[in-house]
Amino acid sequence: MAIRKHKPTTASQRHTELPDFSDITRNRPEKSLTSKKTKKAGRNCYGRVTVRHRGGGHKQRY
């Protein structure tokens, strides 16, 4: 397993070295283990928008 070094953009990251898990993990999760995550930001029990300026964004999976 390789070591990943950070660029010193902050004082705490200056000497940070973390393990790189790219060789033991996949980029995408297994599709059969995920389910859809419904958006309900600012909605009441009837599905109507009650709080403005919320919603949108990228589709997410759980």
PDB file of N, CA and C in Angstrom:
ATOM      1  N   MET A   1       0.845  -1.168   0.000  1.00  0.00           N
ATOM      2  CA  MET A   1       0.000   0.000   0.000  1.00  0.00           C
ATOM      3  C   MET A   1       0.896   1.239   0.000  1.00  0.00           C
ATOM      4  N   ALA A   2       0.585   2.182  -0.850  1.00  0.00           N
ATOM      5  CA  ALA A   2       1.400   3.383  -1.002  1.00  0.00           C
ATOM      6  C   ALA A   2       1.037   4.418   0.054  1.00  0.00           C
ATOM      7  N   ILE A   3       1.902   5.394   0.193  1.00  0.00           N
ATOM      8  CA  ILE A   3       1.677   6.504   1.112  1.00  0.00           C
ATOM      9  C   ILE A   3       1.303   7.730   0.286  1.00  0.00           C
ATOM     10  N   ARG A   4       0.250   8.427   0.705  1.00  0.00           N
ATOM     11  CA  ARG A   4      -0.207   9.610  -0.011  1.00  0.00           C
ATOM     12  C   ARG A   4       0.212  10.845   0.768  1.00  0.00           C
ATOM     13  N   LYS A   5       0.925  11.763   0.128  1.00  0.00           N
ATOM     14  CA  LYS A   5       1.388  12.987   0.773  1.00  0.00           C
ATOM     15  C   LYS A   5       0.529  14.154   0.307  1.00  0.00           C
ATOM     16  N   HIS A   6       0.240  15.054   1.238  1.00  0.00           N
ATOM     17  CA  HIS A   6      -0.566  16.225   0.929  1.00  0.00           C
ATOM     18  C   HIS A   6       0.320  17.413   0.620  1.00  0.00           C
ATOM     19  N   LYS A   7      -0.196  18.313  -0.195  1.00  0.00           N
ATOM     20  CA  LYS A   7       0.501  19.570  -0.440  1.00  0.00           C
ATOM     21  C   LYS A   7       0.259  20.493   0.754  1.00  0.00           C
ATOM     22  N   PRO A   8       1.253  21.262   1.154  1.00  0.00           N
ATOM     23  CA  PRO A   8       1.109  22.070   2.371  1.00  0.00           C
ATOM     24  C   PRO A   8       0.255  23.313   2.156  1.00  0.00           C
ATOM     25  N   THR A   9      -1.049  23.124   1.958  1.00  0.00           N
ATOM     26  CA  THR A   9      -1.933  24.273   1.813  1.00  0.00           C
ATOM     27  C   THR A   9      -2.308  24.857   3.164  1.00  0.00           C
ATOM     28  N   THR A  10      -2.278  24.057   4.220  1.00  0.00           N
ATOM     29  CA  THR A  10      -2.495  24.545   5.581  1.00  0.00           C
ATOM     30  C   THR A  10      -1.372  24.009   6.456  1.00  0.00           C
ATOM     31  N   ALA A  11      -1.268  24.571   7.655  1.00  0.00           N
ATOM     32  CA  ALA A  11      -0.203  24.156   8.556  1.00  0.00           C
ATOM     33  C   ALA A  11      -0.378  22.705   9.004  1.00  0.00           C
ATOM     34  N   SER A  12      -1.611  22.268   9.158  1.00  0.00           N
ATOM     35  CA  SER A  12      -1.837  20.900   9.618  1.00  0.00           C
ATOM     36  C   SER A  12      -1.562  19.871   8.525  1.00  0.00           C
ATOM     37  N   GLN A  13      -1.674  20.264   7.261  1.00  0.00           N
ATOM     38  CA  GLN A  13      -1.431  19.325   6.163  1.00  0.00           C
ATOM     39  C   GLN A  13       0.026  19.296   5.729  1.00  0.00           C
ATOM     40  N   ARG A  14       0.863  20.117   6.326  1.00  0.00           N
ATOM     41  CA  ARG A  14       2.243  20.234   5.861  1.00  0.00           C
ATOM     42  C   ARG A  14       2.999  18.914   5.970  1.00  0.00           C
ATOM     43  N   HIS A  15       2.811  18.184   7.057  1.00  0.00           N
ATOM     44  CA  HIS A  15       3.541  16.936   7.270  1.00  0.00           C
ATOM     45  C   HIS A  15       2.612  15.723   7.273  1.00  0.00           C
ATOM     46  N   THR A  16       1.424  15.847   6.670  1.00  0.00           N
ATOM     47  CA  THR A  16       0.449  14.769   6.684  1.00  0.00           C
ATOM     48  C   THR A  16       0.794  13.712   5.641  1.00  0.00           C
ATOM     49  N   GLU A  17       0.843  12.463   6.080  1.00  0.00           N
ATOM     50  CA  GLU A  17       1.027  11.323   5.186  1.00  0.00           C
ATOM     51  C   GLU A  17      -0.008  10.272   5.557  1.00  0.00           C
ATOM     52  N   LEU A  18      -0.834   9.898   4.595  1.00  0.00           N
ATOM     53  CA  LEU A  18      -1.916   8.956   4.839  1.00  0.00           C
ATOM     54  C   LEU A  18      -1.778   7.762   3.909  1.00  0.00           C
ATOM     55  N   PRO A  19      -2.301   6.605   4.299  1.00  0.00           N
ATOM     56  CA  PRO A  19      -2.247   5.448   3.397  1.00  0.00           C
ATOM     57  C   PRO A  19      -3.156   5.651   2.196  1.00  0.00           C
ATOM     58  N   ASP A  20      -2.735   5.137   1.060  1.00  0.00           N
ATOM     59  CA  ASP A  20      -3.500   5.223  -0.170  1.00  0.00           C
ATOM     60  C   ASP A  20      -4.226   3.896  -0.363  1.00  0.00           C
ATOM     61  N   PHE A  21      -5.560   3.924  -0.328  1.00  0.00           N
ATOM     62  CA  PHE A  21      -6.362   2.709  -0.389  1.00  0.00           C
ATOM     63  C   PHE A  21      -6.822   2.383  -1.805  1.00  0.00           C
ATOM     64  N   SER A  22      -6.233   3.016  -2.818  1.00  0.00           N
ATOM     65  CA  SER A  22      -6.730   2.840  -4.181  1.00  0.00           C
ATOM     66  C   SER A  22      -6.530   1.419  -4.704  1.00  0.00           C
ATOM     67  N   ASP A  23      -5.548   0.683  -4.187  1.00  0.00           N
ATOM     68  CA  ASP A  23      -5.325  -0.669  -4.694  1.00  0.00           C
ATOM     69  C   ASP A  23      -6.243  -1.704  -4.049  1.00  0.00           C
ATOM     70  N   ILE A  24      -6.924  -1.365  -2.946  1.00  0.00           N
ATOM     71  CA  ILE A  24      -7.804  -2.341  -2.300  1.00  0.00           C
ATOM     72  C   ILE A  24      -9.269  -1.934  -2.362  1.00  0.00           C
ATOM     73  N   THR A  25      -9.586  -0.757  -2.908  1.00  0.00           N
ATOM     74  CA  THR A  25     -10.976  -0.335  -3.023  1.00  0.00           C
ATOM     75  C   THR A  25     -11.313  -0.089  -4.476  1.00  0.00           C
ATOM     76  N   ARG A  26     -12.618  -0.102  -4.779  1.00  0.00           N
ATOM     77  CA  ARG A  26     -13.089   0.176  -6.122  1.00  0.00           C
ATOM     78  C   ARG A  26     -13.547   1.621  -6.197  1.00  0.00           C
ATOM     79  N   ASN A  27     -13.640   2.133  -7.419  1.00  0.00           N
ATOM     80  CA  ASN A  27     -14.089   3.508  -7.588  1.00  0.00           C
ATOM     81  C   ASN A  27     -15.581   3.651  -7.340  1.00  0.00           C
ATOM     82  N   ARG A  28     -16.365   2.682  -7.801  1.00  0.00           N
ATOM     83  CA  ARG A  28     -17.812   2.743  -7.637  1.00  0.00           C
ATOM     84  C   ARG A  28     -18.270   1.655  -6.662  1.00  0.00           C
ATOM     85  N   PRO A  29     -19.292   1.932  -5.852  1.00  0.00           N
ATOM     86  CA  PRO A  29     -19.833   0.879  -4.994  1.00  0.00           C
ATOM     87  C   PRO A  29     -20.603  -0.153  -5.816  1.00  0.00           C
ATOM     88  N   GLU A  30     -20.784  -1.324  -5.255  1.00  0.00           N
ATOM     89  CA  GLU A  30     -21.523  -2.390  -5.929  1.00  0.00           C
ATOM     90  C   GLU A  30     -22.978  -1.953  -6.094  1.00  0.00           C
ATOM     91  N   LYS A  31     -23.465  -2.000  -7.316  1.00  0.00           N
ATOM     92  CA  LYS A  31     -24.784  -1.443  -7.605  1.00  0.00           C
ATOM     93  C   LYS A  31     -25.900  -2.203  -6.896  1.00  0.00           C
ATOM     94  N   SER A  32     -25.746  -3.500  -6.695  1.00  0.00           N
ATOM     95  CA  SER A  32     -26.798  -4.274  -6.044  1.00  0.00           C
ATOM     96  C   SER A  32     -26.902  -3.964  -4.555  1.00  0.00           C
ATOM     97  N   LEU A  33     -25.881  -3.333  -3.987  1.00  0.00           N
ATOM     98  CA  LEU A  33     -25.903  -3.005  -2.562  1.00  0.00           C
ATOM     99  C   LEU A  33     -26.386  -1.587  -2.294  1.00  0.00           C
ATOM    100  N   THR A  34     -26.696  -0.831  -3.332  1.00  0.00           N
ATOM    101  CA  THR A  34     -27.144   0.540  -3.142  1.00  0.00           C
ATOM    102  C   THR A  34     -28.626   0.652  -3.452  1.00  0.00           C
ATOM    103  N   SER A  35     -29.252   1.685  -2.917  1.00  0.00           N
ATOM    104  CA  SER A  35     -30.649   1.978  -3.208  1.00  0.00           C
ATOM    105  C   SER A  35     -30.785   3.471  -3.429  1.00  0.00           C
ATOM    106  N   LYS A  36     -31.877   3.883  -4.054  1.00  0.00           N
ATOM    107  CA  LYS A  36     -32.018   5.294  -4.363  1.00  0.00           C
ATOM    108  C   LYS A  36     -32.347   6.087  -3.104  1.00  0.00           C
ATOM    109  N   LYS A  37     -31.928   7.329  -3.098  1.00  0.00           N
ATOM    110  CA  LYS A  37     -32.154   8.221  -1.969  1.00  0.00           C
ATOM    111  C   LYS A  37     -33.058   9.342  -2.460  1.00  0.00           C
ATOM    112  N   THR A  38     -34.297   9.366  -1.979  1.00  0.00           N
ATOM    113  CA  THR A  38     -35.258  10.339  -2.481  1.00  0.00           C
ATOM    114  C   THR A  38     -34.984  11.707  -1.880  1.00  0.00           C
ATOM    115  N   LYS A  39     -35.185  12.734  -2.697  1.00  0.00           N
ATOM    116  CA  LYS A  39     -34.992  14.107  -2.236  1.00  0.00           C
ATOM    117  C   LYS A  39     -36.279  14.588  -1.585  1.00  0.00           C
ATOM    118  N   LYS A  40     -36.196  15.130  -0.387  1.00  0.00           N
ATOM    119  CA  LYS A  40     -37.365  15.661   0.301  1.00  0.00           C
ATOM    120  C   LYS A  40     -37.029  16.931   1.062  1.00  0.00           C
ATOM    121  N   ALA A  41     -36.112  17.708   0.535  1.00  0.00           N
ATOM    122  CA  ALA A  41     -35.680  18.921   1.221  1.00  0.00           C
ATOM    123  C   ALA A  41     -36.773  19.978   1.168  1.00  0.00           C
ATOM    124  N   GLY A  42     -37.199  20.445   2.336  1.00  0.00           N
ATOM    125  CA  GLY A  42     -38.182  21.515   2.410  1.00  0.00           C
ATOM    126  C   GLY A  42     -39.587  21.090   2.063  1.00  0.00           C
ATOM    127  N   ARG A  43     -39.895  19.798   2.118  1.00  0.00           N
ATOM    128  CA  ARG A  43     -41.233  19.323   1.796  1.00  0.00           C
ATOM    129  C   ARG A  43     -41.954  18.853   3.055  1.00  0.00           C
ATOM    130  N   ASN A  44     -43.280  18.992   3.054  1.00  0.00           N
ATOM    131  CA  ASN A  44     -44.071  18.496   4.172  1.00  0.00           C
ATOM    132  C   ASN A  44     -44.591  17.099   3.845  1.00  0.00           C
ATOM    133  N   CYS A  45     -45.545  16.607   4.620  1.00  0.00           N
ATOM    134  CA  CYS A  45     -46.025  15.240   4.426  1.00  0.00           C
ATOM    135  C   CYS A  45     -46.831  15.086   3.141  1.00  0.00           C
ATOM    136  N   TYR A  46     -47.253  16.196   2.529  1.00  0.00           N
ATOM    137  CA  TYR A  46     -47.984  16.133   1.268  1.00  0.00           C
ATOM    138  C   TYR A  46     -47.066  16.275   0.062  1.00  0.00           C
ATOM    139  N   GLY A  47     -45.773  16.473   0.301  1.00  0.00           N
ATOM    140  CA  GLY A  47     -44.827  16.614  -0.785  1.00  0.00           C
ATOM    141  C   GLY A  47     -44.735  18.010  -1.344  1.00  0.00           C
ATOM    142  N   ARG A  48     -45.373  18.976  -0.692  1.00  0.00           N
ATOM    143  CA  ARG A  48     -45.347  20.350  -1.186  1.00  0.00           C
ATOM    144  C   ARG A  48     -44.165  21.102  -0.591  1.00  0.00           C
ATOM    145  N   VAL A  49     -43.623  22.033  -1.361  1.00  0.00           N
ATOM    146  CA  VAL A  49     -42.490  22.829  -0.901  1.00  0.00           C
ATOM    147  C   VAL A  49     -42.982  23.814   0.147  1.00  0.00           C
ATOM    148  N   THR A  50     -42.425  23.726   1.359  1.00  0.00           N
ATOM    149  CA  THR A  50     -42.787  24.650   2.429  1.00  0.00           C
ATOM    150  C   THR A  50     -41.619  25.534   2.825  1.00  0.00           C
ATOM    151  N   VAL A  51     -40.396  25.150   2.502  1.00  0.00           N
ATOM    152  CA  VAL A  51     -39.209  25.950   2.773  1.00  0.00           C
ATOM    153  C   VAL A  51     -38.544  26.227   1.435  1.00  0.00           C
ATOM    154  N   ARG A  52     -38.333  27.505   1.141  1.00  0.00           N
ATOM    155  CA  ARG A  52     -37.792  27.865  -0.164  1.00  0.00           C
ATOM    156  C   ARG A  52     -36.274  27.713  -0.201  1.00  0.00           C
ATOM    157  N   HIS A  53     -35.733  27.740  -1.411  1.00  0.00           N
ATOM    158  CA  HIS A  53     -34.293  27.746  -1.686  1.00  0.00           C
ATOM    159  C   HIS A  53     -33.603  26.451  -1.264  1.00  0.00           C
ATOM    160  N   ARG A  54     -34.293  25.338  -1.293  1.00  0.00           N
ATOM    161  CA  ARG A  54     -33.669  24.051  -0.987  1.00  0.00           C
ATOM    162  C   ARG A  54     -34.001  23.077  -2.095  1.00  0.00           C
ATOM    163  N   GLY A  55     -33.096  22.145  -2.319  1.00  0.00           N
ATOM    164  CA  GLY A  55     -33.361  21.134  -3.330  1.00  0.00           C
ATOM    165  C   GLY A  55     -32.352  21.193  -4.450  1.00  0.00           C
ATOM    166  N   GLY A  56     -32.605  20.413  -5.488  1.00  0.00           N
ATOM    167  CA  GLY A  56     -31.668  20.317  -6.592  1.00  0.00           C
ATOM    168  C   GLY A  56     -30.500  19.433  -6.211  1.00  0.00           C
ATOM    169  N   GLY A  57     -29.368  19.664  -6.827  1.00  0.00           N
ATOM    170  CA  GLY A  57     -28.180  18.890  -6.519  1.00  0.00           C
ATOM    171  C   GLY A  57     -28.085  17.631  -7.356  1.00  0.00           C
ATOM    172  N   HIS A  58     -27.016  16.916  -7.155  1.00  0.00           N
ATOM    173  CA  HIS A  58     -26.733  15.712  -7.925  1.00  0.00           C
ATOM    174  C   HIS A  58     -27.510  14.536  -7.354  1.00  0.00           C
ATOM    175  N   LYS A  59     -27.894  13.603  -8.211  1.00  0.00           N
ATOM    176  CA  LYS A  59     -28.619  12.415  -7.770  1.00  0.00           C
ATOM    177  C   LYS A  59     -27.726  11.578  -6.861  1.00  0.00           C
ATOM    178  N   GLN A  60     -28.266  11.128  -5.740  1.00  0.00           N
ATOM    179  CA  GLN A  60     -27.481  10.389  -4.759  1.00  0.00           C
ATOM    180  C   GLN A  60     -28.044   8.990  -4.568  1.00  0.00           C
ATOM    181  N   ARG A  61     -27.172   8.078  -4.157  1.00  0.00           N
ATOM    182  CA  ARG A  61     -27.554   6.710  -3.834  1.00  0.00           C
ATOM    183  C   ARG A  61     -27.137   6.424  -2.402  1.00  0.00           C
ATOM    184  N   TYR A  62     -27.883   5.523  -1.737  1.00  0.00           N
ATOM    185  CA  TYR A  62     -27.584   5.154  -0.360  1.00  0.00           C
ATOM    186  C   TYR A  62     -26.965   3.782  -0.352  1.00  0.00           C
TER     187      TYR A  62
END
